[in-house]
C-alpha cells in the first residue's frame, strides 16, 4: 500500500472520530480504512489506535504520529501546489517600480512582451528615480541600478550591467580637441547628472578594484539623462552616459565614443523583491525574462 495514502486515511479517521465517517468522506469501505491503519501499525510496529465497540482513541504514540502525519501531508500538498504554480498561467496584477530612463527604454519593453505572452497578467508600472521601500509601498518588484544597501527580508538578483561611456559631439571635439586618457578630462567642460541636489561623479575601473571618481569642470547640471545626451549632441560638453542610451547617436555619428580603449564602468541593475516562502510565478517569470533579455540590450 502507499504509505502517504495510508497516512491521509489515518488522519481522516482521527479527525472524523471513526472509521465509518472516514470511509464515507473518502468514498472507501470501512474495512479498507481499517486496512490502511493496520498497514501503518504493522510497518511501524506500534499501535496507533485503541478501538472498542463504542469508541476509538489514540495511543500516546498514535497522537504523536498523527501530528507528524499532518505536517507531512501539508508539505506534500504544498509541493504539489508548487508544481501546479509552475505550470499555471501567471495572472493578476504585477506592480513594478523602476528608474525613469532605464525603465522606459529597457525594462518596460521586456515586461510588455511578457504581458502579450500571458493575457491574464496585468501590469502596474511606476517610473521613478526615487528609491521605493518594498515593505511599505505597494510594489511586487523594484528595479534599481548602482550600489544597493543590504536590507533584511529583501532579495536582489542582478539582471543587467550598464556600460558607461564618455562621449561628445563631433563639433565639440573639433573645437576643443579629443581627450585621449582619463587625465585629459580635467581640460574639458562636462554636462553632469545631478539628483537630489547631489552631483554624481564619473566612475572608471581601477587596478585596485575600487572605482576611480572623476568630476570634470561643469556648468550644465541636469537630472535627466536624455537631456544630457541632447546637450552633448549640441556640442555643449562631454557626457558620461550608459551606452544603451547613446548607442544610436554614436552609430549615426551624432556623438563620438571617447576613450574607447578605457574599460567602461559597469553599473549593475538589480531586481528586488520581498523574501517569501514561495515566490509567485508572475514575479519569477518577470525576473527571469529581464535577466535573459536585458544583457543583450546593454551591448
Protein backbone atom coordinates (compact mmCIF):
# COMPACT_ATOMS: atom_id res chain seq x y z
CA UNK A 1 0.00 0.00 0.00
CA UNK A 2 1.06 3.60 -0.50
CA UNK A 3 2.35 4.99 2.78
CA UNK A 4 1.26 8.61 2.07
CA UNK A 5 -2.27 7.46 1.20
CA UNK A 6 -2.44 5.40 4.38
CA UNK A 7 -1.29 8.43 6.40
CA UNK A 8 -4.07 10.51 4.83
CA UNK A 9 -6.68 7.84 5.67
CA UNK A 10 -5.39 7.58 9.25
CA UNK A 11 -5.54 11.35 9.74
CA UNK A 12 -9.06 11.49 8.33
CA UNK A 13 -10.19 8.70 10.67
CA UNK A 14 -8.80 10.59 13.65
CA UNK A 15 -10.27 13.92 12.54
CA UNK A 16 -13.76 12.47 12.00
CA UNK A 17 -13.68 10.18 15.02
CA UNK A 18 -14.49 6.84 13.34
CA UNK A 19 -13.55 4.52 10.50
CA UNK A 20 -17.11 4.70 9.17
CA UNK A 21 -17.08 8.51 8.92
CA UNK A 22 -13.66 8.41 7.25
CA UNK A 23 -14.91 5.78 4.81
CA UNK A 24 -17.90 7.94 3.83
CA UNK A 25 -15.71 11.04 3.42
CA UNK A 26 -13.06 9.25 1.33
CA UNK A 27 -15.54 7.04 -0.54
CA UNK A 28 -13.89 3.89 0.76
CA UNK A 29 -15.27 0.85 2.52
CA UNK A 30 -14.97 0.62 6.29
CA UNK A 31 -12.70 -2.44 6.07
CA UNK A 32 -10.42 -0.62 3.65
CA UNK A 33 -9.95 2.23 6.16
CA UNK A 34 -9.03 -0.35 8.78
CA UNK A 35 -6.63 -1.99 6.34
CA UNK A 36 -4.77 1.31 5.83
CA UNK A 37 -4.42 1.86 9.57
CA UNK A 38 -3.24 -1.72 10.15
CA UNK A 39 -0.68 -1.29 7.34
CA UNK A 40 0.83 1.66 9.19
CA UNK A 41 0.78 -0.13 12.53
CA UNK A 42 2.46 -3.22 11.09
CA UNK A 43 5.05 -1.11 9.31
CA UNK A 44 5.80 0.90 12.46
CA UNK A 45 5.50 -1.99 14.90
CA UNK A 46 3.39 0.26 17.14
CA UNK A 47 -0.32 0.54 17.94
CA UNK A 48 -1.84 3.83 16.72
CA UNK A 49 -5.45 3.46 17.85
CA UNK A 50 -7.29 1.73 20.66
CA UNK A 51 -10.77 0.69 19.49
CA UNK A 52 -13.77 -0.61 21.36
CA UNK A 53 -17.30 -1.22 20.18
CA UNK A 54 -18.26 2.29 21.32
CA UNK A 55 -15.24 4.47 20.69
CA UNK A 56 -11.72 4.80 19.35
CA UNK A 57 -8.84 6.70 20.91
CA UNK A 58 -5.27 7.46 20.02
CA UNK A 59 -2.43 5.81 21.86
CA UNK A 60 0.31 8.12 23.12
CA UNK A 61 2.44 7.11 20.15
CA UNK A 62 -0.57 7.41 17.85
CA UNK A 63 -1.13 11.00 18.97
CA UNK A 64 2.49 11.98 18.23
CA UNK A 65 2.39 10.11 14.91
CA UNK A 66 -0.87 11.84 13.97
CA UNK A 67 0.70 15.28 14.45
CA UNK A 68 3.69 14.32 12.31
CA UNK A 69 1.42 12.92 9.61
CA UNK A 70 -0.46 16.22 9.43
CA UNK A 71 2.84 18.04 8.82
CA UNK A 72 3.94 15.54 6.17
CA UNK A 73 0.61 15.74 4.34
CA UNK A 74 0.65 19.56 4.45
CA UNK A 75 4.16 19.60 2.99
CA UNK A 76 3.09 17.16 0.27
CA UNK A 77 0.17 19.40 -0.65
CA UNK A 78 2.49 22.42 -0.72
CA UNK A 79 4.87 20.57 -3.03
CA UNK A 80 2.00 19.70 -5.37
CA UNK A 81 0.84 23.32 -5.27
CA UNK A 82 4.35 24.44 -6.21
CA UNK A 83 4.31 22.17 -9.24
CA UNK A 84 0.86 23.45 -10.20
CA UNK A 85 2.11 27.03 -9.87
CA UNK A 86 5.00 26.24 -12.22
CA UNK A 87 2.56 25.06 -14.86
CA UNK A 88 -0.18 27.63 -14.31
CA UNK A 89 -0.51 30.73 -16.44
CA UNK A 90 0.60 33.82 -14.49
CA UNK A 91 -2.32 36.05 -13.70
CA UNK A 92 -3.24 39.06 -11.64
CA UNK A 93 -1.53 42.39 -11.12
CA UNK A 94 2.27 42.71 -11.25
CA UNK A 95 3.35 46.02 -9.68
CA UNK A 96 6.85 47.14 -10.66
CA UNK A 97 8.75 50.35 -9.85
CA UNK A 98 11.80 51.28 -11.92
CA UNK A 99 14.11 54.19 -12.82
CA UNK A 100 12.63 56.51 -15.42
CA UNK A 101 15.00 56.11 -18.37
CA UNK A 102 16.26 52.61 -17.79
CA UNK A 103 12.71 51.54 -17.06
CA UNK A 104 11.11 53.13 -20.08
CA UNK A 105 13.80 52.17 -22.60
CA UNK A 106 14.90 48.76 -21.32
CA UNK A 107 12.68 47.24 -18.62
CA UNK A 108 9.19 48.16 -19.82
CA UNK A 109 9.57 46.61 -23.32
CA UNK A 110 10.50 43.27 -21.74
CA UNK A 111 7.56 43.35 -19.34
CA UNK A 112 5.15 44.44 -22.07
CA UNK A 113 6.25 41.46 -24.16
CA UNK A 114 5.58 39.25 -21.14
CA UNK A 115 2.09 40.74 -20.86
CA UNK A 116 1.49 40.00 -24.54
CA UNK A 117 2.53 36.40 -23.95
CA UNK A 118 0.26 35.97 -20.91
CA UNK A 119 -3.11 37.71 -21.39
CA UNK A 120 -4.19 37.10 -17.77
CA UNK A 121 -1.21 39.11 -16.46
CA UNK A 122 -1.85 42.75 -15.54
CA UNK A 123 0.95 45.34 -15.34
CA UNK A 124 1.07 48.30 -13.00
CA UNK A 125 4.35 50.09 -13.82
CA UNK A 126 5.76 53.07 -11.95
CA UNK A 127 8.63 55.13 -13.38
CA UNK A 128 10.56 56.99 -10.70
CA UNK A 129 14.20 57.54 -9.75
CA UNK A 130 13.14 57.60 -6.10
CA UNK A 131 14.07 54.50 -4.11
CA UNK A 132 10.84 52.75 -3.14
CA UNK A 133 10.51 50.76 0.08
CA UNK A 134 9.03 47.41 -0.91
CA UNK A 135 7.98 46.68 2.66
CA UNK A 136 5.99 49.90 2.95
CA UNK A 137 4.83 50.55 -0.60
CA UNK A 138 2.56 48.51 -2.82
CA UNK A 139 5.11 47.02 -5.25
CA UNK A 140 5.85 43.40 -6.08
CA UNK A 141 9.17 44.15 -7.75
CA UNK A 142 11.66 47.01 -7.85
CA UNK A 143 14.35 47.59 -10.47
CA UNK A 144 17.33 49.59 -9.23
CA UNK A 145 20.79 50.46 -10.51
CA UNK A 146 24.08 51.07 -8.77
CA UNK A 147 25.12 50.01 -5.27
CA UNK A 148 22.43 48.57 -3.05
CA UNK A 149 22.10 48.76 0.69
CA UNK A 150 21.71 45.37 2.33
CA UNK A 151 18.21 45.14 3.77
CA UNK A 152 16.71 42.29 5.75
CA UNK A 153 13.89 40.49 4.03
CA UNK A 154 14.72 41.82 0.54
CA UNK A 155 16.12 39.55 -2.19
CA UNK A 156 18.19 41.06 -5.02
CA UNK A 157 19.19 39.50 -8.33
CA UNK A 158 21.41 41.22 -10.86
CA UNK A 159 19.65 41.39 -14.22
CA UNK A 160 21.99 43.62 -16.27
CA UNK A 161 25.26 45.54 -16.28
CA UNK A 162 25.17 49.00 -17.90
CA UNK A 163 28.44 50.03 -19.52
CA UNK A 164 29.14 53.72 -19.05
CA UNK A 165 30.92 55.67 -21.82
CA UNK A 166 32.27 59.19 -22.29
CA UNK A 167 31.00 60.86 -25.42
CA UNK A 168 30.86 64.22 -27.17
CA UNK A 169 29.65 65.65 -30.45
CA UNK A 170 31.93 65.97 -33.50
CA UNK A 171 31.57 69.76 -33.25
CA UNK A 172 32.81 69.78 -29.65
CA UNK A 173 35.78 67.55 -30.48
CA UNK A 174 36.68 69.75 -33.48
CA UNK A 175 36.62 72.89 -31.33
CA UNK A 176 38.13 71.61 -28.06
CA UNK A 177 40.12 68.54 -29.04
CA UNK A 178 39.70 64.91 -28.08
CA UNK A 179 40.69 63.52 -24.68
CA UNK A 180 42.99 60.52 -25.05
CA UNK A 181 43.09 59.38 -21.43
CA UNK A 182 41.19 59.93 -18.19
CA UNK A 183 43.60 62.63 -17.02
CA UNK A 184 42.69 64.73 -20.09
CA UNK A 185 39.10 65.09 -18.86
CA UNK A 186 40.25 67.82 -16.48
CA UNK A 187 40.84 70.09 -19.50
CA UNK A 188 37.23 69.84 -20.73
CA UNK A 189 33.78 71.06 -19.84
CA UNK A 190 31.25 68.37 -18.93
CA UNK A 191 27.49 68.00 -18.67
CA UNK A 192 26.85 66.16 -15.41
CA UNK A 193 23.96 64.39 -13.75
CA UNK A 194 22.54 65.80 -10.54
CA UNK A 195 19.88 64.12 -8.45
CA UNK A 196 18.50 65.19 -5.09
CA UNK A 197 20.88 68.13 -5.06
CA UNK A 198 23.98 65.96 -5.42
CA UNK A 199 26.26 65.94 -8.47
CA UNK A 200 27.25 62.40 -9.37
CA UNK A 201 30.95 61.83 -10.15
CA UNK A 202 32.06 59.85 -13.19
CA UNK A 203 33.38 56.41 -12.33
CA UNK A 204 36.11 54.39 -14.04
CA UNK A 205 37.53 50.95 -13.22
CA UNK A 206 40.90 50.99 -11.47
CA UNK A 207 43.55 48.38 -10.82
CA UNK A 208 42.81 48.10 -7.10
CA UNK A 209 39.17 47.11 -7.79
CA UNK A 210 37.77 50.35 -6.36
CA UNK A 211 36.18 52.86 -8.71
CA UNK A 212 38.16 55.94 -9.75
CA UNK A 213 35.95 59.01 -9.22
CA UNK A 214 36.31 61.97 -11.58
CA UNK A 215 34.27 65.17 -11.52
CA UNK A 216 35.18 67.31 -14.55
CA UNK A 217 34.55 71.03 -14.68
CA UNK A 218 30.91 71.64 -15.45
CA UNK A 219 28.42 74.42 -15.91
CA UNK A 220 25.47 72.26 -17.02
CA UNK A 221 23.95 70.04 -14.34
CA UNK A 222 20.80 68.15 -15.30
CA UNK A 223 18.67 65.46 -13.68
CA UNK A 224 17.52 63.89 -16.95
CA UNK A 225 19.76 61.50 -18.91
CA UNK A 226 18.07 62.18 -22.26
CA UNK A 227 18.54 65.91 -21.72
CA UNK A 228 22.25 65.33 -21.03
CA UNK A 229 22.52 63.34 -24.28
CA UNK A 230 20.71 66.16 -26.13
CA UNK A 231 23.07 68.78 -24.71
CA UNK A 232 26.11 66.70 -25.63
CA UNK A 233 24.78 66.28 -29.16
CA UNK A 234 24.51 70.08 -29.40
CA UNK A 235 28.23 70.37 -28.57
CA UNK A 236 27.79 71.71 -25.03
CA UNK A 237 30.40 69.40 -23.44
CA UNK A 238 31.41 65.85 -22.62
CA UNK A 239 28.85 63.43 -21.24
CA UNK A 240 29.16 60.18 -19.26
CA UNK A 241 26.18 58.03 -20.08
CA UNK A 242 25.02 54.41 -20.38
CA UNK A 243 25.98 53.02 -23.78
CA UNK A 244 22.46 51.72 -24.41
CA UNK A 245 21.17 55.30 -24.13
CA UNK A 246 23.57 56.80 -26.71
CA UNK A 247 24.17 53.77 -28.95
CA UNK A 248 22.01 55.04 -31.80
CA UNK A 249 23.54 58.53 -31.67
CA UNK A 250 27.04 57.07 -31.77
CA UNK A 251 26.15 54.78 -34.65
CA UNK A 252 24.61 57.73 -36.51
CA UNK A 253 27.69 59.92 -35.92
CA UNK A 254 25.84 62.46 -33.77
CA UNK A 255 28.12 61.54 -30.85
CA UNK A 256 31.64 60.15 -30.66
CA UNK A 257 32.60 57.45 -28.18
CA UNK A 258 35.66 58.87 -26.45
CA UNK A 259 38.30 56.84 -24.60
CA UNK A 260 37.30 53.63 -26.41
CA UNK A 261 40.34 51.77 -25.05
CA UNK A 262 39.40 52.61 -21.48
CA UNK A 263 37.17 49.87 -19.95
CA UNK A 264 33.78 51.32 -19.18
CA UNK A 265 32.46 51.33 -15.64
CA UNK A 266 29.68 48.76 -15.21
CA UNK A 267 26.60 49.98 -13.38
CA UNK A 268 24.72 46.92 -12.14
CA UNK A 269 20.95 46.74 -12.42
CA UNK A 270 19.02 44.61 -9.93
CA UNK A 271 15.56 43.20 -9.50
CA UNK A 272 14.44 43.30 -5.85
CA UNK A 273 11.52 41.60 -4.14
CA UNK A 274 10.43 40.75 -0.63
CA UNK A 275 11.52 37.37 0.68
CA UNK A 276 8.68 34.87 0.67
CA UNK A 277 8.41 31.10 1.23
CA UNK A 278 7.01 30.65 -2.27
CA UNK A 279 7.78 33.26 -4.92
CA UNK A 280 4.67 33.94 -7.06
CA UNK A 281 5.04 32.71 -10.61
CA UNK A 282 4.36 36.16 -12.09
CA UNK A 283 7.35 37.63 -10.21
CA UNK A 284 9.64 34.73 -11.04
CA UNK A 285 8.75 34.91 -14.74
CA UNK A 286 9.32 38.68 -14.82
CA UNK A 287 12.75 38.44 -13.17
CA UNK A 288 13.80 35.57 -15.44
CA UNK A 289 12.64 37.48 -18.53
CA UNK A 290 14.60 40.58 -17.50
CA UNK A 291 17.76 38.59 -16.70
CA UNK A 292 17.51 36.90 -20.09
CA UNK A 293 16.73 39.95 -22.27
CA UNK A 294 18.48 42.92 -20.68
CA UNK A 295 22.14 41.88 -21.20
CA UNK A 296 21.59 41.90 -24.98
CA UNK A 297 20.20 45.45 -24.76
CA UNK A 298 23.30 46.67 -22.93
CA UNK A 299 25.80 45.81 -25.71
